[in-house]
Amino acid sequence: MTLTYDLYWSFRSPYSYMIMHRLTALERDYDVACNVRPVYPLAVRTPEFFDTRDPLWFSYFFADIHREAEFLGLPFRWPRPDPVYMDMTTRTYPKDQPHIHRLTQMGALAAEQGRGLAFLDEVSKTIWSGTVDDWHLGDHIAQATARAGLDPATFAATVDAESERLNAVIEESQVAQRAAGHYGVPMIALNGEPFFGQDRFDQFKWRLEQQGLKAR
């Protein structure tokens, strides 16, 4: 029997990018299926979260993401541009965001079309690997969409036509994420048990093995 799990994931999360190569390999090698549920990042959902962070939270975070990428052997650079726009004058995140809403809607649609994991993998590499400047311009996202097995033109047109419905899907995922046990990403929910953080992958796989994980 195929084991299934929910993946709550954000295009603005470097740790979400860092877990993808393990999740795609897991689905390639084992009889397991991921229910991809993209969500908006905290900077969009609850921007006030960052107002009360100790400055050490930020300095440690930026040190850790580079160290973790090096440890995992992944190419990494903070995206240019950031998927979430910050007004540098006020140090706030405006509600009108040029990138993250559409990216997340695309992820939700890709999941509906059965290519969610592949789409997250290809787009996150485009944004986070440091190999692409101005990932939002030209055909970078269209190429990633094609590599994920989707027709870029048809896919983009559907996102445009169904953005409100896709926003509702994302909202449902955000509610379900909290009900599953955490607000952060990446978060995996397996049979009611939450695994928050890319560094919980080994524990997640261990639990899958306890539940009968089989090689393909």
N, C-alpha and C. Protein backbone atom coordinates (compact mmCIF):
# COMPACT_ATOMS: atom_id res chain seq x y z
N MET A 1 0.84 -1.20 0.00
CA MET A 1 0.00 0.00 0.00
C MET A 1 0.88 1.25 0.00
N THR A 2 0.55 2.19 -0.88
CA THR A 2 1.31 3.43 -0.97
C THR A 2 1.09 4.28 0.28
N LEU A 3 2.18 4.69 0.91
CA LEU A 3 2.09 5.59 2.05
C LEU A 3 2.00 7.03 1.54
N THR A 4 1.21 7.84 2.22
CA THR A 4 1.03 9.24 1.80
C THR A 4 1.29 10.19 2.97
N TYR A 5 1.68 11.40 2.63
CA TYR A 5 1.90 12.43 3.63
C TYR A 5 1.60 13.79 3.03
N ASP A 6 1.33 14.77 3.89
CA ASP A 6 1.12 16.15 3.47
C ASP A 6 2.42 16.94 3.64
N LEU A 7 2.72 17.78 2.66
CA LEU A 7 3.89 18.65 2.72
C LEU A 7 3.45 20.10 2.67
N TYR A 8 3.70 20.83 3.75
CA TYR A 8 3.42 22.27 3.81
C TYR A 8 4.74 22.99 3.54
N TRP A 9 4.73 23.87 2.56
CA TRP A 9 5.99 24.29 1.94
C TRP A 9 5.85 25.72 1.41
N SER A 10 6.94 26.50 1.45
CA SER A 10 6.90 27.89 0.98
C SER A 10 8.05 28.19 0.02
N PHE A 11 7.73 28.97 -1.00
CA PHE A 11 8.74 29.38 -1.97
C PHE A 11 9.71 30.41 -1.39
N ARG A 12 9.42 30.96 -0.22
CA ARG A 12 10.32 31.93 0.39
C ARG A 12 11.23 31.28 1.44
N SER A 13 11.11 30.00 1.65
CA SER A 13 11.85 29.33 2.71
C SER A 13 13.08 28.62 2.16
N PRO A 14 14.29 29.04 2.59
CA PRO A 14 15.48 28.33 2.14
C PRO A 14 15.49 26.88 2.61
N TYR A 15 14.95 26.62 3.79
CA TYR A 15 14.91 25.25 4.29
C TYR A 15 13.95 24.39 3.47
N SER A 16 12.90 25.01 2.92
CA SER A 16 12.01 24.27 2.03
C SER A 16 12.77 23.82 0.78
N TYR A 17 13.58 24.72 0.24
CA TYR A 17 14.43 24.35 -0.89
C TYR A 17 15.38 23.21 -0.51
N MET A 18 15.92 23.26 0.68
CA MET A 18 16.95 22.30 1.08
C MET A 18 16.42 20.89 1.30
N ILE A 19 15.13 20.72 1.47
CA ILE A 19 14.60 19.38 1.68
C ILE A 19 14.18 18.71 0.37
N MET A 20 14.09 19.49 -0.70
CA MET A 20 13.46 18.97 -1.91
C MET A 20 14.19 17.79 -2.54
N HIS A 21 15.52 17.83 -2.58
CA HIS A 21 16.23 16.72 -3.24
C HIS A 21 16.00 15.41 -2.52
N ARG A 22 15.77 15.47 -1.21
CA ARG A 22 15.50 14.23 -0.46
C ARG A 22 14.09 13.74 -0.66
N LEU A 23 13.14 14.67 -0.77
CA LEU A 23 11.75 14.25 -1.00
C LEU A 23 11.56 13.69 -2.40
N THR A 24 12.20 14.29 -3.39
CA THR A 24 12.06 13.75 -4.75
C THR A 24 12.73 12.38 -4.86
N ALA A 25 13.87 12.20 -4.21
CA ALA A 25 14.53 10.90 -4.21
C ALA A 25 13.70 9.86 -3.48
N LEU A 26 13.06 10.28 -2.38
CA LEU A 26 12.22 9.36 -1.62
C LEU A 26 11.09 8.83 -2.49
N GLU A 27 10.41 9.72 -3.20
CA GLU A 27 9.28 9.28 -4.04
C GLU A 27 9.75 8.48 -5.25
N ARG A 28 10.95 8.77 -5.71
CA ARG A 28 11.51 8.01 -6.83
C ARG A 28 11.84 6.57 -6.42
N ASP A 29 12.34 6.39 -5.21
CA ASP A 29 12.87 5.10 -4.80
C ASP A 29 11.90 4.25 -3.99
N TYR A 30 10.87 4.88 -3.42
CA TYR A 30 9.98 4.16 -2.50
C TYR A 30 8.52 4.37 -2.88
N ASP A 31 7.69 3.48 -2.40
CA ASP A 31 6.26 3.54 -2.68
C ASP A 31 5.60 4.51 -1.69
N VAL A 32 5.80 5.78 -1.97
CA VAL A 32 5.27 6.84 -1.11
C VAL A 32 4.85 8.00 -2.00
N ALA A 33 3.79 8.69 -1.60
CA ALA A 33 3.27 9.80 -2.40
C ALA A 33 3.10 11.03 -1.53
N CYS A 34 3.52 12.17 -2.07
CA CYS A 34 3.45 13.45 -1.37
C CYS A 34 2.23 14.23 -1.81
N ASN A 35 1.45 14.67 -0.84
CA ASN A 35 0.34 15.58 -1.09
C ASN A 35 0.86 17.00 -0.87
N VAL A 36 1.22 17.66 -1.94
CA VAL A 36 1.86 18.97 -1.87
C VAL A 36 0.83 20.04 -1.53
N ARG A 37 1.12 20.82 -0.48
CA ARG A 37 0.21 21.88 -0.03
C ARG A 37 1.00 23.17 0.21
N PRO A 38 1.28 23.93 -0.85
CA PRO A 38 2.02 25.18 -0.68
C PRO A 38 1.25 26.17 0.19
N VAL A 39 1.99 26.94 0.99
CA VAL A 39 1.40 27.96 1.85
C VAL A 39 2.19 29.25 1.69
N TYR A 40 1.57 30.36 2.10
CA TYR A 40 2.28 31.62 2.08
C TYR A 40 3.26 31.68 3.26
N PRO A 41 4.38 32.37 3.09
CA PRO A 41 5.36 32.47 4.17
C PRO A 41 4.85 33.35 5.31
N LEU A 42 5.49 33.24 6.45
CA LEU A 42 5.09 34.04 7.61
C LEU A 42 5.13 35.54 7.31
N ALA A 43 6.05 35.97 6.48
CA ALA A 43 6.15 37.39 6.15
C ALA A 43 4.89 37.90 5.47
N VAL A 44 4.11 37.01 4.88
CA VAL A 44 2.85 37.38 4.24
C VAL A 44 1.67 37.07 5.15
N ARG A 45 1.71 35.90 5.78
CA ARG A 45 0.60 35.49 6.65
C ARG A 45 0.55 36.30 7.94
N THR A 46 1.69 36.37 8.62
CA THR A 46 1.76 37.04 9.92
C THR A 46 3.07 37.84 10.02
N PRO A 47 3.16 38.94 9.29
CA PRO A 47 4.42 39.70 9.27
C PRO A 47 4.84 40.21 10.64
N GLU A 48 3.89 40.35 11.55
CA GLU A 48 4.23 40.83 12.90
C GLU A 48 5.09 39.81 13.65
N PHE A 49 5.15 38.58 13.15
CA PHE A 49 6.00 37.56 13.77
C PHE A 49 7.43 38.04 13.94
N PHE A 50 7.92 38.81 12.96
CA PHE A 50 9.32 39.22 12.96
C PHE A 50 9.57 40.46 13.82
N ASP A 51 8.50 41.13 14.22
CA ASP A 51 8.67 42.36 15.00
C ASP A 51 9.26 42.10 16.38
N THR A 52 9.01 40.92 16.91
CA THR A 52 9.45 40.62 18.28
C THR A 52 10.65 39.68 18.33
N ARG A 53 11.27 39.42 17.18
CA ARG A 53 12.42 38.52 17.20
C ARG A 53 13.64 39.22 17.78
N ASP A 54 14.36 38.52 18.61
CA ASP A 54 15.66 38.99 19.09
C ASP A 54 16.60 39.11 17.89
N PRO A 55 17.45 40.15 17.83
CA PRO A 55 18.38 40.28 16.70
C PRO A 55 19.23 39.04 16.47
N LEU A 56 19.50 38.28 17.54
CA LEU A 56 20.27 37.05 17.36
C LEU A 56 19.52 36.02 16.52
N TRP A 57 18.19 36.09 16.50
CA TRP A 57 17.40 35.18 15.65
C TRP A 57 17.82 35.34 14.19
N PHE A 58 17.95 36.60 13.75
CA PHE A 58 18.27 36.87 12.36
C PHE A 58 19.72 36.50 12.04
N SER A 59 20.64 36.89 12.91
CA SER A 59 22.05 36.60 12.62
C SER A 59 22.31 35.10 12.61
N TYR A 60 21.69 34.37 13.52
CA TYR A 60 21.87 32.92 13.53
C TYR A 60 21.23 32.30 12.30
N PHE A 61 20.05 32.76 11.95
CA PHE A 61 19.36 32.23 10.77
C PHE A 61 20.22 32.35 9.52
N PHE A 62 20.79 33.52 9.29
CA PHE A 62 21.57 33.71 8.07
C PHE A 62 22.89 32.93 8.10
N ALA A 63 23.45 32.75 9.26
CA ALA A 63 24.63 31.88 9.35
C ALA A 63 24.26 30.43 9.10
N ASP A 64 23.13 30.02 9.67
CA ASP A 64 22.75 28.61 9.59
C ASP A 64 22.36 28.18 8.18
N ILE A 65 21.66 29.03 7.43
CA ILE A 65 21.22 28.59 6.11
C ILE A 65 22.41 28.36 5.18
N HIS A 66 23.44 29.17 5.30
CA HIS A 66 24.62 28.95 4.46
C HIS A 66 25.39 27.71 4.92
N ARG A 67 25.50 27.53 6.21
CA ARG A 67 26.18 26.34 6.73
C ARG A 67 25.43 25.07 6.33
N GLU A 68 24.11 25.10 6.44
CA GLU A 68 23.31 23.92 6.13
C GLU A 68 23.39 23.56 4.66
N ALA A 69 23.36 24.56 3.80
CA ALA A 69 23.49 24.30 2.37
C ALA A 69 24.86 23.68 2.06
N GLU A 70 25.89 24.21 2.69
CA GLU A 70 27.23 23.65 2.50
C GLU A 70 27.29 22.21 3.00
N PHE A 71 26.70 21.95 4.15
CA PHE A 71 26.66 20.60 4.72
C PHE A 71 25.95 19.62 3.79
N LEU A 72 24.87 20.07 3.18
CA LEU A 72 24.10 19.20 2.29
C LEU A 72 24.68 19.13 0.88
N GLY A 73 25.66 19.96 0.60
CA GLY A 73 26.25 19.97 -0.74
C GLY A 73 25.37 20.60 -1.79
N LEU A 74 24.57 21.59 -1.37
CA LEU A 74 23.64 22.24 -2.29
C LEU A 74 24.13 23.62 -2.68
N PRO A 75 24.01 23.99 -3.95
CA PRO A 75 24.31 25.38 -4.33
C PRO A 75 23.27 26.29 -3.70
N PHE A 76 23.69 27.45 -3.24
CA PHE A 76 22.76 28.29 -2.49
C PHE A 76 23.18 29.75 -2.52
N ARG A 77 22.18 30.61 -2.68
CA ARG A 77 22.36 32.06 -2.53
C ARG A 77 20.99 32.64 -2.26
N TRP A 78 20.93 33.69 -1.42
CA TRP A 78 19.65 34.33 -1.20
C TRP A 78 19.15 34.87 -2.55
N PRO A 79 17.86 34.66 -2.84
CA PRO A 79 17.35 34.97 -4.18
C PRO A 79 17.48 36.44 -4.58
N ARG A 80 17.64 36.63 -5.87
CA ARG A 80 17.69 37.96 -6.47
C ARG A 80 16.63 38.01 -7.57
N PRO A 81 15.46 38.60 -7.29
CA PRO A 81 15.03 39.26 -6.06
C PRO A 81 14.46 38.27 -5.04
N ASP A 82 14.28 38.77 -3.83
CA ASP A 82 13.61 38.01 -2.78
C ASP A 82 12.16 37.73 -3.23
N PRO A 83 11.68 36.50 -3.06
CA PRO A 83 10.29 36.21 -3.43
C PRO A 83 9.26 37.04 -2.66
N VAL A 84 9.65 37.56 -1.49
CA VAL A 84 8.77 38.45 -0.73
C VAL A 84 9.41 39.84 -0.69
N TYR A 85 8.66 40.81 -1.18
CA TYR A 85 9.17 42.18 -1.23
C TYR A 85 9.04 42.87 0.13
N MET A 86 10.11 43.49 0.57
CA MET A 86 10.09 44.31 1.78
C MET A 86 10.31 45.77 1.40
N ASP A 87 9.48 46.65 1.97
CA ASP A 87 9.69 48.09 1.82
C ASP A 87 10.85 48.47 2.73
N MET A 88 12.00 48.78 2.15
CA MET A 88 13.20 49.00 2.94
C MET A 88 13.13 50.31 3.74
N THR A 89 12.24 51.22 3.34
CA THR A 89 12.09 52.47 4.09
C THR A 89 11.41 52.23 5.43
N THR A 90 10.34 51.42 5.40
CA THR A 90 9.57 51.17 6.61
C THR A 90 9.91 49.83 7.26
N ARG A 91 10.70 49.01 6.57
CA ARG A 91 11.05 47.67 7.04
C ARG A 91 9.79 46.83 7.29
N THR A 92 8.82 46.99 6.39
CA THR A 92 7.57 46.23 6.49
C THR A 92 7.32 45.51 5.18
N TYR A 93 6.41 44.54 5.25
CA TYR A 93 6.04 43.75 4.08
C TYR A 93 4.67 44.22 3.57
N PRO A 94 4.60 44.92 2.46
CA PRO A 94 3.31 45.39 1.94
C PRO A 94 2.40 44.22 1.56
N LYS A 95 1.11 44.45 1.65
CA LYS A 95 0.16 43.41 1.25
C LYS A 95 0.22 43.14 -0.26
N ASP A 96 0.54 44.18 -1.01
CA ASP A 96 0.65 44.03 -2.47
C ASP A 96 2.04 43.48 -2.79
N GLN A 97 2.10 42.19 -3.04
CA GLN A 97 3.36 41.50 -3.28
C GLN A 97 3.48 41.11 -4.76
N PRO A 98 4.61 41.41 -5.40
CA PRO A 98 4.72 41.15 -6.83
C PRO A 98 5.02 39.71 -7.23
N HIS A 99 5.49 38.88 -6.29
CA HIS A 99 5.94 37.54 -6.68
C HIS A 99 5.30 36.39 -5.93
N ILE A 100 5.23 36.50 -4.61
CA ILE A 100 4.95 35.31 -3.81
C ILE A 100 3.54 34.76 -3.99
N HIS A 101 2.56 35.63 -4.23
CA HIS A 101 1.21 35.13 -4.40
C HIS A 101 1.11 34.26 -5.65
N ARG A 102 1.64 34.74 -6.74
CA ARG A 102 1.56 33.96 -7.99
C ARG A 102 2.37 32.67 -7.88
N LEU A 103 3.56 32.74 -7.31
CA LEU A 103 4.35 31.52 -7.15
C LEU A 103 3.58 30.47 -6.36
N THR A 104 2.95 30.88 -5.28
CA THR A 104 2.24 29.93 -4.42
C THR A 104 1.01 29.40 -5.13
N GLN A 105 0.31 30.25 -5.88
CA GLN A 105 -0.82 29.78 -6.68
C GLN A 105 -0.36 28.75 -7.71
N MET A 106 0.78 28.99 -8.33
CA MET A 106 1.32 28.04 -9.30
C MET A 106 1.62 26.71 -8.63
N GLY A 107 2.19 26.76 -7.43
CA GLY A 107 2.47 25.52 -6.71
C GLY A 107 1.20 24.74 -6.40
N ALA A 108 0.14 25.46 -6.00
CA ALA A 108 -1.12 24.80 -5.69
C ALA A 108 -1.72 24.16 -6.94
N LEU A 109 -1.64 24.84 -8.07
CA LEU A 109 -2.17 24.28 -9.31
C LEU A 109 -1.35 23.09 -9.77
N ALA A 110 -0.03 23.19 -9.67
CA ALA A 110 0.82 22.05 -10.04
C ALA A 110 0.49 20.83 -9.21
N ALA A 111 0.20 21.02 -7.94
CA ALA A 111 -0.19 19.90 -7.08
C ALA A 111 -1.49 19.28 -7.58
N GLU A 112 -2.45 20.11 -7.95
CA GLU A 112 -3.72 19.59 -8.47
C GLU A 112 -3.53 18.80 -9.75
N GLN A 113 -2.53 19.17 -10.52
CA GLN A 113 -2.29 18.50 -11.79
C GLN A 113 -1.29 17.35 -11.67
N GLY A 114 -0.98 16.97 -10.45
CA GLY A 114 -0.14 15.80 -10.22
C GLY A 114 1.34 16.02 -10.42
N ARG A 115 1.77 17.28 -10.50
CA ARG A 115 3.20 17.56 -10.72
C ARG A 115 3.73 18.47 -9.61
N GLY A 116 3.10 18.44 -8.44
CA GLY A 116 3.46 19.37 -7.38
C GLY A 116 4.89 19.25 -6.91
N LEU A 117 5.34 18.04 -6.61
CA LEU A 117 6.68 17.87 -6.07
C LEU A 117 7.73 18.27 -7.11
N ALA A 118 7.52 17.87 -8.36
CA ALA A 118 8.47 18.23 -9.42
C ALA A 118 8.51 19.74 -9.63
N PHE A 119 7.36 20.39 -9.57
CA PHE A 119 7.30 21.84 -9.76
C PHE A 119 8.02 22.56 -8.62
N LEU A 120 7.76 22.18 -7.39
CA LEU A 120 8.45 22.80 -6.26
C LEU A 120 9.95 22.62 -6.38
N ASP A 121 10.37 21.45 -6.79
CA ASP A 121 11.80 21.16 -6.92
C ASP A 121 12.44 22.05 -7.98
N GLU A 122 11.85 22.09 -9.16
CA GLU A 122 12.45 22.85 -10.26
C GLU A 122 12.43 24.35 -10.00
N VAL A 123 11.32 24.87 -9.49
CA VAL A 123 11.24 26.32 -9.26
C VAL A 123 12.12 26.74 -8.09
N SER A 124 12.17 25.93 -7.04
CA SER A 124 13.02 26.32 -5.90
C SER A 124 14.49 26.31 -6.29
N LYS A 125 14.89 25.39 -7.14
CA LYS A 125 16.28 25.41 -7.62
C LYS A 125 16.56 26.67 -8.44
N THR A 126 15.59 27.06 -9.24
CA THR A 126 15.74 28.28 -10.04
C THR A 126 15.90 29.50 -9.16
N ILE A 127 15.13 29.55 -8.08
CA ILE A 127 15.13 30.72 -7.20
C ILE A 127 16.31 30.73 -6.24
N TRP A 128 16.64 29.57 -5.65
CA TRP A 128 17.55 29.51 -4.51
C TRP A 128 18.96 29.01 -4.79
N SER A 129 19.20 28.41 -5.95
CA SER A 129 20.51 27.79 -6.16
C SER A 129 21.62 28.79 -6.44
N GLY A 130 21.26 30.04 -6.76
CA GLY A 130 22.28 31.03 -7.08
C GLY A 130 22.76 30.98 -8.50
N THR A 131 22.15 30.13 -9.32
CA THR A 131 22.57 30.00 -10.72
C THR A 131 21.81 30.95 -11.63
N VAL A 132 20.75 31.61 -11.10
CA VAL A 132 19.91 32.47 -11.92
C VAL A 132 19.76 33.83 -11.24
N ASP A 133 20.13 34.88 -11.94
CA ASP A 133 19.81 36.23 -11.52
C ASP A 133 18.48 36.63 -12.15
N ASP A 134 17.73 37.46 -11.46
CA ASP A 134 16.45 37.93 -12.00
C ASP A 134 15.58 36.76 -12.45
N TRP A 135 15.37 35.82 -11.54
CA TRP A 135 14.60 34.62 -11.85
C TRP A 135 13.18 34.94 -12.28
N HIS A 136 12.68 36.15 -11.90
CA HIS A 136 11.31 36.54 -12.21
C HIS A 136 11.15 37.09 -13.62
N LEU A 137 12.25 37.33 -14.31
CA LEU A 137 12.21 37.89 -15.65
C LEU A 137 12.39 36.80 -16.70
N GLY A 138 12.06 37.15 -17.94
CA GLY A 138 12.26 36.20 -19.04
C GLY A 138 11.46 34.92 -18.86
N ASP A 139 12.08 33.83 -19.27
CA ASP A 139 11.36 32.55 -19.25
C ASP A 139 11.91 31.57 -18.22
N HIS A 140 12.57 32.08 -17.18
CA HIS A 140 13.15 31.18 -16.18
C HIS A 140 12.09 30.30 -15.52
N ILE A 141 10.99 30.90 -15.08
CA ILE A 141 9.94 30.11 -14.43
C ILE A 141 9.23 29.22 -15.45
N ALA A 142 9.06 29.71 -16.66
CA ALA A 142 8.44 28.89 -17.71
C ALA A 142 9.29 27.65 -17.99
N GLN A 143 10.60 27.82 -18.03
CA GLN A 143 11.48 26.67 -18.26
C GLN A 143 11.39 25.68 -17.11
N ALA A 144 11.34 26.19 -15.88
CA ALA A 144 11.19 25.31 -14.73
C ALA A 144 9.87 24.57 -14.78
N THR A 145 8.82 25.26 -15.21
CA THR A 145 7.50 24.64 -15.36
C THR A 145 7.56 23.50 -16.36
N ALA A 146 8.23 23.73 -17.48
CA ALA A 146 8.36 22.68 -18.50
C ALA A 146 9.16 21.50 -17.98
N ARG A 147 10.23 21.77 -17.24
CA ARG A 147 11.03 20.66 -16.68
C ARG A 147 10.21 19.83 -15.69
N ALA A 148 9.22 20.47 -15.08
CA ALA A 148 8.36 19.76 -14.13
C ALA A 148 7.28 18.94 -14.84
N GLY A 149 7.24 19.02 -16.18
CA GLY A 149 6.28 18.21 -16.93
C GLY A 149 4.96 18.89 -17.21
N LEU A 150 4.95 20.23 -17.18
CA LEU A 150 3.74 21.00 -17.43
C LEU A 150 3.93 21.90 -18.64
N ASP A 151 2.86 22.18 -19.36
CA ASP A 151 2.93 23.10 -20.48
C ASP A 151 2.91 24.53 -19.96
N PRO A 152 3.97 25.29 -20.14
CA PRO A 152 4.07 26.61 -19.50
C PRO A 152 2.95 27.58 -19.87
N ALA A 153 2.59 27.65 -21.15
CA ALA A 153 1.58 28.62 -21.57
C ALA A 153 0.21 28.28 -21.01
N THR A 154 -0.19 27.02 -21.14
CA THR A 154 -1.49 26.60 -20.62
C THR A 154 -1.54 26.74 -19.11
N PHE A 155 -0.45 26.37 -18.46
CA PHE A 155 -0.37 26.42 -17.01
C PHE A 155 -0.51 27.86 -16.51
N ALA A 156 0.24 28.79 -17.12
CA ALA A 156 0.20 30.19 -16.70
C ALA A 156 -1.19 30.79 -16.92
N ALA A 157 -1.82 30.44 -18.04
CA ALA A 157 -3.16 30.95 -18.32
C ALA A 157 -4.17 30.46 -17.28
N THR A 158 -4.03 29.22 -16.85
CA THR A 158 -4.94 28.68 -15.85
C THR A 158 -4.75 29.37 -14.51
N VAL A 159 -3.51 29.65 -14.14
CA VAL A 159 -3.25 30.39 -12.90
C VAL A 159 -3.91 31.76 -12.95
N ASP A 160 -3.78 32.44 -14.07
CA ASP A 160 -4.39 33.76 -14.22
C ASP A 160 -5.91 33.68 -14.07
N ALA A 161 -6.51 32.68 -14.68
CA ALA A 161 -7.97 32.57 -14.69
C ALA A 161 -8.53 32.11 -13.36
N GLU A 162 -7.73 31.38 -12.58
CA GLU A 162 -8.25 30.75 -11.36
C GLU A 162 -7.54 31.22 -10.10
N SER A 163 -7.00 32.41 -10.12
CA SER A 163 -6.20 32.88 -8.97
C SER A 163 -7.01 32.95 -7.69
N GLU A 164 -8.26 33.40 -7.77
CA GLU A 164 -9.07 33.48 -6.56
C GLU A 164 -9.36 32.10 -5.98
N ARG A 165 -9.69 31.16 -6.84
CA ARG A 165 -9.93 29.79 -6.36
C ARG A 165 -8.66 29.20 -5.75
N LEU A 166 -7.53 29.44 -6.38
CA LEU A 166 -6.27 28.90 -5.86
C LEU A 166 -5.90 29.54 -4.52
N ASN A 167 -6.23 30.82 -4.36
CA ASN A 167 -6.01 31.46 -3.06
C ASN A 167 -6.82 30.76 -1.97
N ALA A 168 -8.04 30.34 -2.31
CA ALA A 168 -8.87 29.63 -1.34
C ALA A 168 -8.26 28.27 -0.99
N VAL A 169 -7.68 27.61 -1.98
CA VAL A 169 -6.99 26.33 -1.75
C VAL A 169 -5.82 26.54 -0.79
N ILE A 170 -5.06 27.59 -1.01
CA ILE A 170 -3.90 27.90 -0.15
C ILE A 170 -4.37 28.19 1.27
N GLU A 171 -5.43 28.94 1.41
CA GLU A 171 -5.97 29.25 2.73
C GLU A 171 -6.38 27.97 3.46
N GLU A 172 -7.01 27.04 2.75
CA GLU A 172 -7.38 25.77 3.35
C GLU A 172 -6.13 25.02 3.84
N SER A 173 -5.07 25.09 3.07
CA SER A 173 -3.82 24.42 3.46
C SER A 173 -3.23 25.07 4.70
N GLN A 174 -3.31 26.39 4.80
CA GLN A 174 -2.77 27.08 5.97
C GLN A 174 -3.53 26.73 7.24
N VAL A 175 -4.85 26.59 7.12
CA VAL A 175 -5.65 26.16 8.26
C VAL A 175 -5.30 24.73 8.63
N ALA A 176 -5.19 23.87 7.62
CA ALA A 176 -4.87 22.47 7.87
C ALA A 176 -3.48 22.31 8.48
N GLN A 177 -2.54 23.16 8.08
CA GLN A 177 -1.19 23.09 8.62
C GLN A 177 -1.19 23.31 10.13
N ARG A 178 -1.87 24.34 10.57
CA ARG A 178 -1.92 24.60 12.01
C ARG A 178 -2.63 23.46 12.74
N ALA A 179 -3.68 22.94 12.15
CA ALA A 179 -4.39 21.82 12.76
C ALA A 179 -3.50 20.59 12.86
N ALA A 180 -2.54 20.49 11.94
CA ALA A 180 -1.63 19.34 11.93
C ALA A 180 -0.51 19.47 12.94
N GLY A 181 -0.29 20.69 13.50
CA GLY A 181 0.65 20.76 14.60
C GLY A 181 1.74 21.79 14.55
N HIS A 182 1.85 22.59 13.46
CA HIS A 182 2.89 23.63 13.43
C HIS A 182 2.54 24.66 12.38
N TYR A 183 3.20 25.83 12.46
CA TYR A 183 2.94 26.92 11.52
C TYR A 183 4.10 27.13 10.55
N GLY A 184 5.25 26.47 10.81
CA GLY A 184 6.44 26.74 10.01
C GLY A 184 6.60 25.79 8.84
N VAL A 185 7.57 26.11 8.00
CA VAL A 185 7.86 25.29 6.83
C VAL A 185 9.36 25.01 6.74
N PRO A 186 9.72 23.92 6.07
CA PRO A 186 8.82 22.88 5.58
C PRO A 186 8.27 22.06 6.74
N MET A 187 7.02 21.64 6.60
CA MET A 187 6.42 20.77 7.60
C MET A 187 5.76 19.60 6.92
N ILE A 188 6.05 18.42 7.41
CA ILE A 188 5.44 17.19 6.92
C ILE A 188 4.46 16.70 7.97
N ALA A 189 3.29 16.28 7.52
CA ALA A 189 2.30 15.68 8.42
C ALA A 189 2.04 14.25 7.93
N LEU A 190 2.33 13.30 8.79
CA LEU A 190 2.16 11.88 8.47
C LEU A 190 1.23 11.24 9.50
N ASN A 191 0.04 10.89 9.08
CA ASN A 191 -0.92 10.25 9.97
C ASN A 191 -1.09 11.00 11.29
N GLY A 192 -1.21 12.32 11.17
CA GLY A 192 -1.45 13.14 12.35
C GLY A 192 -0.22 13.55 13.12
N GLU A 193 0.95 13.14 12.67
CA GLU A 193 2.19 13.48 13.36
C GLU A 193 2.97 14.52 12.56
N PRO A 194 3.29 15.68 13.16
CA PRO A 194 4.03 16.71 12.44
C PRO A 194 5.54 16.54 12.54
N PHE A 195 6.22 16.85 11.44
CA PHE A 195 7.68 16.88 11.40
C PHE A 195 8.07 18.24 10.83
N PHE A 196 8.47 19.17 11.68
CA PHE A 196 8.80 20.52 11.24
C PHE A 196 10.29 20.67 11.02
N GLY A 197 10.65 21.17 9.84
CA GLY A 197 12.04 21.46 9.54
C GLY A 197 12.66 20.43 8.62
N GLN A 198 13.55 20.89 7.74
CA GLN A 198 14.21 19.97 6.84
C GLN A 198 15.13 19.01 7.59
N ASP A 199 15.53 19.37 8.79
CA ASP A 199 16.39 18.50 9.57
C ASP A 199 15.62 17.39 10.28
N ARG A 200 14.31 17.29 10.04
CA ARG A 200 13.52 16.18 10.57
C ARG A 200 13.26 15.13 9.51
N PHE A 201 13.93 15.25 8.37
CA PHE A 201 13.69 14.29 7.29
C PHE A 201 14.01 12.86 7.72
N ASP A 202 15.13 12.67 8.40
CA ASP A 202 15.52 11.31 8.80
C ASP A 202 14.51 10.70 9.76
N GLN A 203 13.98 11.51 10.68
CA GLN A 203 12.95 11.01 11.58
C GLN A 203 11.68 10.66 10.81
N PHE A 204 11.34 11.49 9.84
CA PHE A 204 10.17 11.23 9.00
C PHE A 204 10.33 9.90 8.25
N LYS A 205 11.49 9.69 7.64
CA LYS A 205 11.71 8.44 6.91
C LYS A 205 11.70 7.25 7.87
N TRP A 206 12.27 7.41 9.05
CA TRP A 206 12.24 6.36 10.08
C TRP A 206 10.81 5.98 10.42
N ARG A 207 9.94 6.98 10.54
CA ARG A 207 8.54 6.69 10.84
C ARG A 207 7.87 6.00 9.66
N LEU A 208 8.20 6.40 8.46
CA LEU A 208 7.67 5.71 7.28
C LEU A 208 8.07 4.24 7.28
N GLU A 209 9.32 3.97 7.63
CA GLU A 209 9.80 2.60 7.66
C GLU A 209 9.04 1.79 8.71
N GLN A 210 8.72 2.41 9.84
CA GLN A 210 7.93 1.73 10.85
C GLN A 210 6.53 1.39 10.33
N GLN A 211 6.06 2.17 9.38
CA GLN A 211 4.71 1.98 8.85
C GLN A 211 4.69 1.18 7.56
N GLY A 212 5.83 0.56 7.23
CA GLY A 212 5.84 -0.38 6.12
C GLY A 212 6.36 0.16 4.81
N LEU A 213 7.23 1.19 4.83
CA LEU A 213 7.78 1.75 3.61
C LEU A 213 8.46 0.68 2.79
N LYS A 214 8.12 0.63 1.49
CA LYS A 214 8.68 -0.39 0.59
C LYS A 214 9.35 0.27 -0.59
N ALA A 215 10.45 -0.33 -1.03
CA ALA A 215 11.13 0.15 -2.22
C ALA A 215 10.28 -0.13 -3.46
N ARG A 216 10.44 0.72 -4.47
CA ARG A 216 9.71 0.52 -5.74
C ARG A 216 10.33 -0.64 -6.50
